[in-house]
Amino acid sequence: MASPVVRDLRQAFVRLHILYHAVQGPVCGVELMDELAEHGYRLGPGTLYPALHGLERQRLLKREEKVVAGRRRKFYVATRAGRQLLRQARAMVTEWLRELAGGD
């Protein structure tokens, strides 16, 4: 069983990964699950969709509904605040990696 710190870090990395892809363009849940699985994050809908909805409530993502092949699908795109947060997180992670590598 993962420690609470590891669990919190994992959740943060998943959210940042979602934001990264939502900055690139509209994303939907099923595609995100596949993308995240390629990076070792095995998430089900019960984990992914609450994360998407939380990012939407925080106004970091905006939901757009489109009809694709006769089905209504929800796509998410990053808001200005989401793009700004991702830039800040990228700078923080870069600095942290520099410290870990011993390049103070």
N, C-alpha and C. Protein backbone atom coordinates (compact mmCIF):
# COMPACT_ATOMS: atom_id res chain seq x y z
N MET A 1 0.83 -1.18 0.00
CA MET A 1 0.00 0.00 0.00
C MET A 1 0.88 1.25 0.00
N ALA A 2 0.58 2.20 -0.86
CA ALA A 2 1.37 3.41 -0.99
C ALA A 2 1.12 4.34 0.20
N SER A 3 2.18 5.05 0.58
CA SER A 3 2.04 6.01 1.67
C SER A 3 1.17 7.18 1.21
N PRO A 4 0.61 7.93 2.15
CA PRO A 4 -0.20 9.10 1.76
C PRO A 4 0.59 10.11 0.91
N VAL A 5 1.88 10.26 1.18
CA VAL A 5 2.69 11.21 0.41
C VAL A 5 2.81 10.73 -1.04
N VAL A 6 3.08 9.45 -1.22
CA VAL A 6 3.18 8.89 -2.58
C VAL A 6 1.85 9.03 -3.30
N ARG A 7 0.78 8.76 -2.61
CA ARG A 7 -0.57 8.88 -3.20
C ARG A 7 -0.85 10.32 -3.63
N ASP A 8 -0.49 11.29 -2.77
CA ASP A 8 -0.68 12.70 -3.10
C ASP A 8 0.16 13.11 -4.31
N LEU A 9 1.41 12.66 -4.34
CA LEU A 9 2.28 12.97 -5.48
C LEU A 9 1.73 12.38 -6.77
N ARG A 10 1.27 11.15 -6.68
CA ARG A 10 0.71 10.49 -7.87
C ARG A 10 -0.49 11.27 -8.39
N GLN A 11 -1.38 11.68 -7.50
CA GLN A 11 -2.55 12.46 -7.90
C GLN A 11 -2.14 13.78 -8.53
N ALA A 12 -1.13 14.42 -7.97
CA ALA A 12 -0.66 15.69 -8.53
C ALA A 12 -0.07 15.48 -9.92
N PHE A 13 0.72 14.42 -10.08
CA PHE A 13 1.31 14.16 -11.40
C PHE A 13 0.24 13.82 -12.43
N VAL A 14 -0.78 13.09 -12.03
CA VAL A 14 -1.88 12.78 -12.95
C VAL A 14 -2.56 14.08 -13.38
N ARG A 15 -2.84 14.96 -12.45
CA ARG A 15 -3.51 16.23 -12.78
C ARG A 15 -2.63 17.09 -13.70
N LEU A 16 -1.33 17.13 -13.42
CA LEU A 16 -0.43 17.89 -14.29
C LEU A 16 -0.36 17.28 -15.68
N HIS A 17 -0.37 15.97 -15.74
CA HIS A 17 -0.35 15.28 -17.04
C HIS A 17 -1.63 15.61 -17.82
N ILE A 18 -2.76 15.61 -17.13
CA ILE A 18 -4.03 15.99 -17.77
C ILE A 18 -3.93 17.41 -18.31
N LEU A 19 -3.45 18.33 -17.47
CA LEU A 19 -3.31 19.73 -17.91
C LEU A 19 -2.39 19.84 -19.11
N TYR A 20 -1.29 19.11 -19.08
CA TYR A 20 -0.35 19.15 -20.21
C TYR A 20 -1.07 18.81 -21.51
N HIS A 21 -1.83 17.74 -21.51
CA HIS A 21 -2.51 17.33 -22.74
C HIS A 21 -3.65 18.28 -23.09
N ALA A 22 -4.31 18.83 -22.10
CA ALA A 22 -5.40 19.78 -22.36
C ALA A 22 -4.87 21.10 -22.92
N VAL A 23 -3.62 21.42 -22.64
CA VAL A 23 -2.99 22.59 -23.24
C VAL A 23 -2.71 22.31 -24.72
N GLN A 24 -2.35 21.08 -25.04
CA GLN A 24 -2.04 20.70 -26.41
C GLN A 24 -3.28 20.77 -27.31
N GLY A 25 -4.45 20.49 -26.74
CA GLY A 25 -5.70 20.51 -27.49
C GLY A 25 -6.78 19.77 -26.72
N PRO A 26 -8.00 19.77 -27.25
CA PRO A 26 -9.10 19.11 -26.55
C PRO A 26 -8.82 17.63 -26.31
N VAL A 27 -9.14 17.18 -25.09
CA VAL A 27 -8.94 15.77 -24.72
C VAL A 27 -10.24 15.23 -24.13
N CYS A 28 -10.43 13.93 -24.28
CA CYS A 28 -11.59 13.29 -23.65
C CYS A 28 -11.10 12.20 -22.72
N GLY A 29 -11.97 11.77 -21.83
CA GLY A 29 -11.59 10.84 -20.78
C GLY A 29 -10.99 9.54 -21.26
N VAL A 30 -11.63 8.90 -22.25
CA VAL A 30 -11.15 7.60 -22.72
C VAL A 30 -9.74 7.72 -23.29
N GLU A 31 -9.52 8.75 -24.09
CA GLU A 31 -8.19 8.95 -24.67
C GLU A 31 -7.16 9.24 -23.58
N LEU A 32 -7.55 10.00 -22.57
CA LEU A 32 -6.64 10.29 -21.47
C LEU A 32 -6.27 9.04 -20.69
N MET A 33 -7.24 8.17 -20.47
CA MET A 33 -6.94 6.91 -19.76
C MET A 33 -5.89 6.12 -20.52
N ASP A 34 -6.03 6.04 -21.84
CA ASP A 34 -5.05 5.32 -22.66
C ASP A 34 -3.69 5.99 -22.60
N GLU A 35 -3.67 7.32 -22.73
CA GLU A 35 -2.41 8.07 -22.69
C GLU A 35 -1.72 7.90 -21.34
N LEU A 36 -2.46 8.03 -20.28
CA LEU A 36 -1.88 7.90 -18.94
C LEU A 36 -1.39 6.48 -18.69
N ALA A 37 -2.08 5.49 -19.23
CA ALA A 37 -1.65 4.09 -19.09
C ALA A 37 -0.29 3.88 -19.73
N GLU A 38 -0.01 4.58 -20.82
CA GLU A 38 1.30 4.46 -21.47
C GLU A 38 2.43 4.95 -20.56
N HIS A 39 2.08 5.76 -19.57
CA HIS A 39 3.08 6.31 -18.64
C HIS A 39 3.01 5.61 -17.28
N GLY A 40 2.30 4.49 -17.22
CA GLY A 40 2.26 3.71 -15.99
C GLY A 40 1.13 4.05 -15.04
N TYR A 41 0.26 4.97 -15.41
CA TYR A 41 -0.87 5.33 -14.56
C TYR A 41 -2.08 4.52 -14.99
N ARG A 42 -2.43 3.52 -14.22
CA ARG A 42 -3.59 2.68 -14.54
C ARG A 42 -4.80 3.25 -13.81
N LEU A 43 -5.55 4.08 -14.50
CA LEU A 43 -6.69 4.76 -13.90
C LEU A 43 -7.98 4.27 -14.51
N GLY A 44 -8.97 4.08 -13.67
CA GLY A 44 -10.31 3.77 -14.15
C GLY A 44 -11.13 5.04 -14.18
N PRO A 45 -12.33 4.95 -14.71
CA PRO A 45 -13.21 6.12 -14.78
C PRO A 45 -13.50 6.72 -13.40
N GLY A 46 -13.56 5.89 -12.38
CA GLY A 46 -13.86 6.37 -11.03
C GLY A 46 -12.75 7.23 -10.43
N THR A 47 -11.57 7.19 -11.03
CA THR A 47 -10.45 8.04 -10.61
C THR A 47 -10.27 9.20 -11.57
N LEU A 48 -10.33 8.92 -12.87
CA LEU A 48 -10.07 9.96 -13.87
C LEU A 48 -11.14 11.04 -13.90
N TYR A 49 -12.40 10.64 -13.95
CA TYR A 49 -13.45 11.65 -14.12
C TYR A 49 -13.56 12.59 -12.92
N PRO A 50 -13.42 12.12 -11.68
CA PRO A 50 -13.38 13.09 -10.58
C PRO A 50 -12.21 14.06 -10.69
N ALA A 51 -11.06 13.59 -11.20
CA ALA A 51 -9.92 14.49 -11.41
C ALA A 51 -10.27 15.55 -12.45
N LEU A 52 -10.88 15.13 -13.57
CA LEU A 52 -11.29 16.08 -14.60
C LEU A 52 -12.29 17.09 -14.06
N HIS A 53 -13.28 16.59 -13.32
CA HIS A 53 -14.30 17.48 -12.76
C HIS A 53 -13.70 18.44 -11.74
N GLY A 54 -12.74 17.97 -10.96
CA GLY A 54 -12.07 18.84 -9.99
C GLY A 54 -11.29 19.95 -10.68
N LEU A 55 -10.58 19.61 -11.75
CA LEU A 55 -9.85 20.62 -12.51
C LEU A 55 -10.80 21.60 -13.17
N GLU A 56 -11.96 21.11 -13.57
CA GLU A 56 -12.98 21.99 -14.14
C GLU A 56 -13.54 22.94 -13.07
N ARG A 57 -13.84 22.41 -11.88
CA ARG A 57 -14.35 23.25 -10.78
C ARG A 57 -13.35 24.33 -10.39
N GLN A 58 -12.06 23.99 -10.49
CA GLN A 58 -11.01 24.95 -10.17
C GLN A 58 -10.76 25.92 -11.32
N ARG A 59 -11.52 25.76 -12.39
CA ARG A 59 -11.42 26.60 -13.59
C ARG A 59 -10.06 26.50 -14.28
N LEU A 60 -9.47 25.31 -14.18
CA LEU A 60 -8.22 25.04 -14.90
C LEU A 60 -8.51 24.35 -16.23
N LEU A 61 -9.68 23.71 -16.32
CA LEU A 61 -10.16 23.10 -17.55
C LEU A 61 -11.54 23.64 -17.86
N LYS A 62 -11.86 23.64 -19.14
CA LYS A 62 -13.19 24.01 -19.60
C LYS A 62 -13.73 22.84 -20.41
N ARG A 63 -14.97 22.47 -20.15
CA ARG A 63 -15.60 21.34 -20.84
C ARG A 63 -16.36 21.84 -22.06
N GLU A 64 -16.19 21.10 -23.15
CA GLU A 64 -16.94 21.36 -24.37
C GLU A 64 -17.61 20.06 -24.78
N GLU A 65 -18.87 20.12 -25.11
CA GLU A 65 -19.57 18.91 -25.56
C GLU A 65 -19.73 18.96 -27.07
N LYS A 66 -19.42 17.82 -27.70
CA LYS A 66 -19.53 17.70 -29.16
C LYS A 66 -20.19 16.37 -29.48
N VAL A 67 -20.86 16.32 -30.61
CA VAL A 67 -21.43 15.06 -31.09
C VAL A 67 -20.43 14.46 -32.06
N VAL A 68 -19.99 13.25 -31.75
CA VAL A 68 -19.03 12.54 -32.58
C VAL A 68 -19.62 11.18 -32.90
N ALA A 69 -19.78 10.90 -34.18
CA ALA A 69 -20.36 9.63 -34.64
C ALA A 69 -21.70 9.36 -33.96
N GLY A 70 -22.50 10.41 -33.83
CA GLY A 70 -23.83 10.28 -33.26
C GLY A 70 -23.88 10.21 -31.75
N ARG A 71 -22.73 10.33 -31.09
CA ARG A 71 -22.69 10.27 -29.63
C ARG A 71 -22.17 11.58 -29.06
N ARG A 72 -22.77 12.00 -27.97
CA ARG A 72 -22.32 13.22 -27.29
C ARG A 72 -21.07 12.85 -26.48
N ARG A 73 -20.00 13.61 -26.73
CA ARG A 73 -18.75 13.39 -26.01
C ARG A 73 -18.32 14.68 -25.35
N LYS A 74 -17.69 14.53 -24.20
CA LYS A 74 -17.18 15.68 -23.45
C LYS A 74 -15.68 15.80 -23.68
N PHE A 75 -15.28 16.96 -24.12
CA PHE A 75 -13.87 17.26 -24.32
C PHE A 75 -13.46 18.35 -23.34
N TYR A 76 -12.21 18.32 -22.93
CA TYR A 76 -11.70 19.28 -21.98
C TYR A 76 -10.51 20.01 -22.59
N VAL A 77 -10.48 21.33 -22.41
CA VAL A 77 -9.36 22.15 -22.85
C VAL A 77 -8.89 22.99 -21.67
N ALA A 78 -7.62 23.31 -21.68
CA ALA A 78 -7.06 24.12 -20.60
C ALA A 78 -7.52 25.57 -20.73
N THR A 79 -7.83 26.17 -19.61
CA THR A 79 -8.15 27.59 -19.57
C THR A 79 -6.84 28.38 -19.46
N ARG A 80 -6.96 29.69 -19.47
CA ARG A 80 -5.77 30.53 -19.28
C ARG A 80 -5.12 30.20 -17.93
N ALA A 81 -5.95 30.05 -16.89
CA ALA A 81 -5.42 29.72 -15.56
C ALA A 81 -4.74 28.35 -15.58
N GLY A 82 -5.29 27.40 -16.32
CA GLY A 82 -4.68 26.08 -16.44
C GLY A 82 -3.33 26.12 -17.13
N ARG A 83 -3.24 26.93 -18.20
CA ARG A 83 -1.96 27.07 -18.91
C ARG A 83 -0.93 27.75 -18.01
N GLN A 84 -1.38 28.75 -17.25
CA GLN A 84 -0.46 29.44 -16.34
C GLN A 84 0.03 28.50 -15.25
N LEU A 85 -0.87 27.72 -14.68
CA LEU A 85 -0.48 26.76 -13.64
C LEU A 85 0.52 25.75 -14.19
N LEU A 86 0.30 25.29 -15.41
CA LEU A 86 1.24 24.33 -16.00
C LEU A 86 2.62 24.95 -16.18
N ARG A 87 2.69 26.21 -16.59
CA ARG A 87 3.99 26.89 -16.72
C ARG A 87 4.69 26.97 -15.36
N GLN A 88 3.93 27.30 -14.32
CA GLN A 88 4.51 27.39 -12.97
C GLN A 88 4.99 26.02 -12.51
N ALA A 89 4.18 25.00 -12.75
CA ALA A 89 4.56 23.65 -12.33
C ALA A 89 5.80 23.18 -13.08
N ARG A 90 5.88 23.51 -14.37
CA ARG A 90 7.05 23.12 -15.16
C ARG A 90 8.32 23.75 -14.56
N ALA A 91 8.25 25.01 -14.18
CA ALA A 91 9.41 25.68 -13.58
C ALA A 91 9.77 25.03 -12.24
N MET A 92 8.76 24.68 -11.45
CA MET A 92 9.01 24.05 -10.15
C MET A 92 9.65 22.67 -10.32
N VAL A 93 9.14 21.89 -11.25
CA VAL A 93 9.68 20.55 -11.49
C VAL A 93 11.10 20.64 -12.03
N THR A 94 11.34 21.59 -12.93
CA THR A 94 12.69 21.78 -13.48
C THR A 94 13.68 22.10 -12.38
N GLU A 95 13.30 23.00 -11.48
CA GLU A 95 14.18 23.35 -10.36
C GLU A 95 14.41 22.16 -9.44
N TRP A 96 13.34 21.42 -9.17
CA TRP A 96 13.46 20.25 -8.29
C TRP A 96 14.39 19.20 -8.90
N LEU A 97 14.24 18.95 -10.20
CA LEU A 97 15.12 17.98 -10.87
C LEU A 97 16.58 18.45 -10.85
N ARG A 98 16.79 19.75 -11.00
CA ARG A 98 18.15 20.29 -10.93
C ARG A 98 18.76 20.01 -9.55
N GLU A 99 17.96 20.20 -8.52
CA GLU A 99 18.46 19.92 -7.16
C GLU A 99 18.73 18.44 -6.97
N LEU A 100 17.83 17.59 -7.45
CA LEU A 100 18.03 16.15 -7.30
C LEU A 100 19.28 15.68 -8.01
N ALA A 101 19.60 16.31 -9.13
CA ALA A 101 20.78 15.92 -9.90
C ALA A 101 22.06 16.49 -9.29
N GLY A 102 21.92 17.28 -8.22
CA GLY A 102 23.09 17.83 -7.54
C GLY A 102 23.63 19.08 -8.18
N GLY A 103 22.84 19.72 -9.02
CA GLY A 103 23.29 20.91 -9.70
C GLY A 103 22.85 22.19 -9.03
N ASP A 104 22.83 22.21 -7.68
CA ASP A 104 22.37 23.39 -6.94
C ASP A 104 22.88 24.59 -7.63
